[in-house]
Protein backbone atom coordinates (compact mmCIF):
# COMPACT_ATOMS: atom_id res chain seq x y z
CA UNK A 1 2.81 18.12 2.10
CA UNK A 2 2.71 14.34 1.62
CA UNK A 3 2.66 12.62 5.02
CA UNK A 4 4.61 9.36 5.18
CA UNK A 5 3.14 7.73 8.26
CA UNK A 6 5.63 6.52 10.86
CA UNK A 7 4.07 3.89 13.13
CA UNK A 8 7.29 2.12 14.05
CA UNK A 9 7.36 -0.15 11.01
CA UNK A 10 7.80 0.28 7.31
CA UNK A 11 10.27 1.26 4.67
CA UNK A 12 10.01 4.95 5.50
CA UNK A 13 13.37 6.28 4.35
CA UNK A 14 13.26 4.52 0.97
CA UNK A 15 9.77 5.89 0.30
CA UNK A 16 10.87 9.40 1.29
CA UNK A 17 13.96 9.20 -0.93
CA UNK A 18 11.80 8.14 -3.89
CA UNK A 19 9.33 10.99 -3.34
CA UNK A 20 12.19 13.47 -2.83
CA UNK A 21 13.78 12.27 -6.09
CA UNK A 22 10.45 12.87 -7.84
CA UNK A 23 10.46 16.43 -6.46
CA UNK A 24 7.51 16.22 -4.06
CA UNK A 25 7.29 17.89 -0.66
CA UNK A 26 7.04 15.07 1.88
CA UNK A 27 7.82 14.32 5.50
CA UNK A 28 8.00 11.25 7.71
CA UNK A 29 5.68 11.88 10.65
CA UNK A 30 4.02 10.19 13.60
CA UNK A 31 1.99 13.33 14.44
CA UNK A 32 -1.74 12.68 13.92
CA UNK A 33 -2.41 16.38 13.19
CA UNK A 34 0.19 16.49 10.41
CA UNK A 35 -1.35 13.35 8.91
CA UNK A 36 -4.88 14.73 9.25
CA UNK A 37 -3.90 17.96 7.45
CA UNK A 38 -1.65 16.48 4.75
CA UNK A 39 -2.36 16.88 1.05
CA UNK A 40 -1.66 13.14 0.55
CA UNK A 41 -1.02 10.26 2.93
CA UNK A 42 1.30 7.29 2.33
CA UNK A 43 1.31 4.30 4.69
CA UNK A 44 4.39 2.16 3.99
CA UNK A 45 4.71 -1.24 5.54
CA UNK A 46 7.28 -3.97 5.93
CA UNK A 47 6.75 -6.78 8.37
CA UNK A 48 3.86 -8.07 10.44
CA UNK A 49 0.20 -7.02 10.12
CA UNK A 50 0.08 -6.85 13.93
CA UNK A 51 2.42 -3.85 13.82
CA UNK A 52 -0.47 -1.79 12.43
CA UNK A 53 -2.13 -1.99 15.87
CA UNK A 54 0.23 0.87 16.79
CA UNK A 55 -1.82 3.10 14.48
CA UNK A 56 -4.77 2.84 16.85
CA UNK A 57 -2.74 3.39 20.02
CA UNK A 58 -1.06 6.51 18.62
CA UNK A 59 -4.14 8.22 17.19
CA UNK A 60 -2.88 7.72 13.64
CA UNK A 61 -5.72 5.36 12.70
CA UNK A 62 -8.26 8.13 13.36
CA UNK A 63 -6.11 10.75 11.63
CA UNK A 64 -5.82 8.61 8.49
CA UNK A 65 -9.57 7.91 8.52
CA UNK A 66 -10.29 11.65 8.91
CA UNK A 67 -7.99 12.52 6.00
CA UNK A 68 -9.63 9.88 3.80
CA UNK A 69 -13.09 11.18 4.76
CA UNK A 70 -11.99 14.66 3.62
CA UNK A 71 -11.01 13.24 0.22
CA UNK A 72 -7.24 13.25 0.76
CA UNK A 73 -5.55 10.71 -1.57
CA UNK A 74 -4.23 7.71 0.37
CA UNK A 75 -1.67 5.09 -0.68
CA UNK A 76 -1.01 1.91 1.29
CA UNK A 77 2.18 0.00 0.43
CA UNK A 78 2.69 -3.71 1.23
CA UNK A 79 1.36 -4.18 4.80
CA UNK A 80 -0.10 -0.68 4.34
CA UNK A 81 -2.29 -2.07 1.55
CA UNK A 82 -3.25 -5.10 3.64
CA UNK A 83 -4.30 -2.73 6.45
CA UNK A 84 -6.90 -1.25 4.08
CA UNK A 85 -8.83 -4.54 4.42
CA UNK A 86 -10.81 -5.68 7.46
CA UNK A 87 -8.27 -8.19 8.75
CA UNK A 88 -5.40 -10.56 8.04
CA UNK A 89 -4.80 -14.17 8.98
CA UNK A 90 -1.34 -13.02 10.07
CA UNK A 91 -2.78 -11.24 13.13
CA UNK A 92 -6.49 -12.08 13.57
CA UNK A 93 -6.78 -9.93 16.70
CA UNK A 94 -5.69 -6.79 14.80
CA UNK A 95 -8.37 -4.86 12.90
CA UNK A 96 -7.62 -3.21 9.59
CA UNK A 97 -9.06 0.07 8.37
CA UNK A 98 -11.92 -1.76 6.65
CA UNK A 99 -11.98 0.32 3.45
CA UNK A 100 -12.25 -2.99 1.60
CA UNK A 101 -14.16 -6.05 2.75
CA UNK A 102 -12.27 -9.25 3.23
CA UNK A 103 -9.24 -10.80 4.84
CA UNK A 104 -5.66 -11.09 3.67
CA UNK A 105 -4.57 -14.73 3.54
CA UNK A 106 -1.31 -16.67 3.78
CA UNK A 107 0.17 -18.01 0.55
CA UNK A 108 -0.55 -21.71 0.03
CA UNK A 109 1.99 -24.25 1.28
CA UNK A 110 2.72 -25.19 -2.35
CA UNK A 111 4.94 -22.11 -2.80
CA UNK A 112 7.89 -20.71 -0.86
CA UNK A 113 6.92 -18.00 1.60
CA UNK A 114 7.68 -15.17 1.79
CA UNK A 115 7.23 -14.19 -1.85
CA UNK A 116 10.39 -12.13 -2.39
CA UNK A 117 11.71 -10.62 -5.60
CA UNK A 118 10.56 -9.37 -8.95
CA UNK A 119 7.28 -10.63 -10.36
CA UNK A 120 5.04 -9.62 -13.21
CA UNK A 121 1.78 -7.78 -12.62
CA UNK A 122 -1.13 -7.43 -15.01
CA UNK A 123 -2.75 -4.00 -14.68
CA UNK A 124 -6.16 -2.92 -15.89
CA UNK A 125 -6.38 -0.08 -18.40
CA UNK A 126 -8.85 1.86 -16.24
CA UNK A 127 -6.46 2.26 -13.29
CA UNK A 128 -5.24 5.79 -12.61
CA UNK A 129 -2.05 4.48 -10.98
CA UNK A 130 -1.02 2.39 -13.98
CA UNK A 131 -2.08 4.71 -16.79
CA UNK A 132 0.74 5.04 -19.34
CA UNK A 133 2.52 1.95 -17.99
CA UNK A 134 2.73 -1.31 -19.94
CA UNK A 135 -0.16 -3.67 -19.17
CA UNK A 136 2.47 -6.12 -17.91
CA UNK A 137 5.20 -4.73 -15.67
CA UNK A 138 7.66 -6.25 -13.24
CA UNK A 139 7.53 -4.99 -9.65
CA UNK A 140 9.40 -5.92 -6.48
CA UNK A 141 7.54 -7.89 -3.79
CA UNK A 142 8.31 -9.12 -0.30
CA UNK A 143 5.32 -10.56 1.61
CA UNK A 144 3.83 -13.74 3.06
CA UNK A 145 0.15 -12.72 3.00
CA UNK A 146 -1.95 -11.36 0.17
CA UNK A 147 -5.35 -9.89 -0.63
CA UNK A 148 -7.84 -11.81 -2.75
CA UNK A 149 -9.07 -10.61 -6.12
CA UNK A 150 -12.27 -8.55 -5.90
CA UNK A 151 -14.12 -5.75 -7.72
CA UNK A 152 -11.57 -3.05 -6.76
CA UNK A 153 -8.52 -5.03 -7.88
CA UNK A 154 -6.75 -3.02 -10.61
CA UNK A 155 -3.62 -5.18 -10.93
CA UNK A 156 -3.03 -8.84 -10.19
CA UNK A 157 -0.03 -11.11 -9.79
CA UNK A 158 0.48 -14.87 -9.93
CA UNK A 159 2.22 -16.68 -7.08
CA UNK A 160 0.56 -19.83 -5.79
CA UNK A 161 -2.60 -18.43 -7.38
CA UNK A 162 -3.70 -14.98 -8.45
CA UNK A 163 -3.87 -12.21 -5.87
CA UNK A 164 -4.43 -8.45 -5.77
CA UNK A 165 -1.20 -6.62 -6.58
CA UNK A 166 -3.01 -3.26 -6.49
CA UNK A 167 -6.42 -1.98 -5.44
CA UNK A 168 -8.14 1.31 -6.15
CA UNK A 169 -11.37 2.98 -5.11
CA UNK A 170 -12.02 6.70 -5.49
CA UNK A 171 -9.02 8.45 -3.87
CA UNK A 172 -7.76 5.35 -2.02
CA UNK A 173 -5.01 3.19 -3.53
CA UNK A 174 -3.05 0.19 -2.34
CA UNK A 175 -0.09 -1.66 -3.83
CA UNK A 176 1.24 -4.97 -2.50
CA UNK A 177 4.60 -4.44 -4.21
CA UNK A 178 7.18 -1.84 -3.21
CA UNK A 179 7.10 0.97 -5.79
CA UNK A 180 10.12 2.60 -4.12
CA UNK A 181 12.14 -0.55 -4.92
CA UNK A 182 10.60 -1.29 -8.34
CA UNK A 183 12.77 0.86 -10.57
CA UNK A 184 11.38 3.18 -13.22
CA UNK A 185 7.90 1.63 -13.31
CA UNK A 186 7.58 1.85 -9.54
CA UNK A 187 8.56 5.52 -9.62
CA UNK A 188 5.92 6.10 -12.30
CA UNK A 189 3.30 4.60 -9.98
CA UNK A 190 4.39 6.91 -7.16
CA UNK A 191 4.34 9.91 -9.52
CA UNK A 192 0.80 9.05 -10.66
CA UNK A 193 -0.33 8.97 -7.03
CA UNK A 194 1.34 12.32 -6.35
CA UNK A 195 -0.52 14.12 -9.13
CA UNK A 196 -3.99 12.57 -8.70
């Protein structure tokens, strides 16, 4: 069962509908044991990085970390991807999971924030999430903070500068865009995650 983590924030129902449409067994849950024992874990996110503090208070932070330690594939979406980093300027007092070093930063004042709508990503050929997709695809974004480019960036996007649109290391994946709202290409990304 794919656990869609409910921590009081996120686009849970849309993610579940997309996974249901793809034919995968999934459930929205706030139960740490169900997350810990899932076959895959998805952490959706819409809103403020500070909302991820609820993961620690509810025991979900530890459950997600335990699942990742066991090799369970993990996908962070939007704020869920940002939570994979150490921190965010949006909520400096809130710690991320720390899978990736670094801090998510606010978009520069030279561009409108939040970044909302369709934008083009450039994906690397080595990425397991983007295999069989065009190197350039349009995905749907809605966010005010972004992760920098670094060695685990597998897709980038341009908006006030280049930022990480997707990250990947071993069995851990993060996408800044919303695959559940990104049409056929977004569904392909979700399907790739579900069969890894």
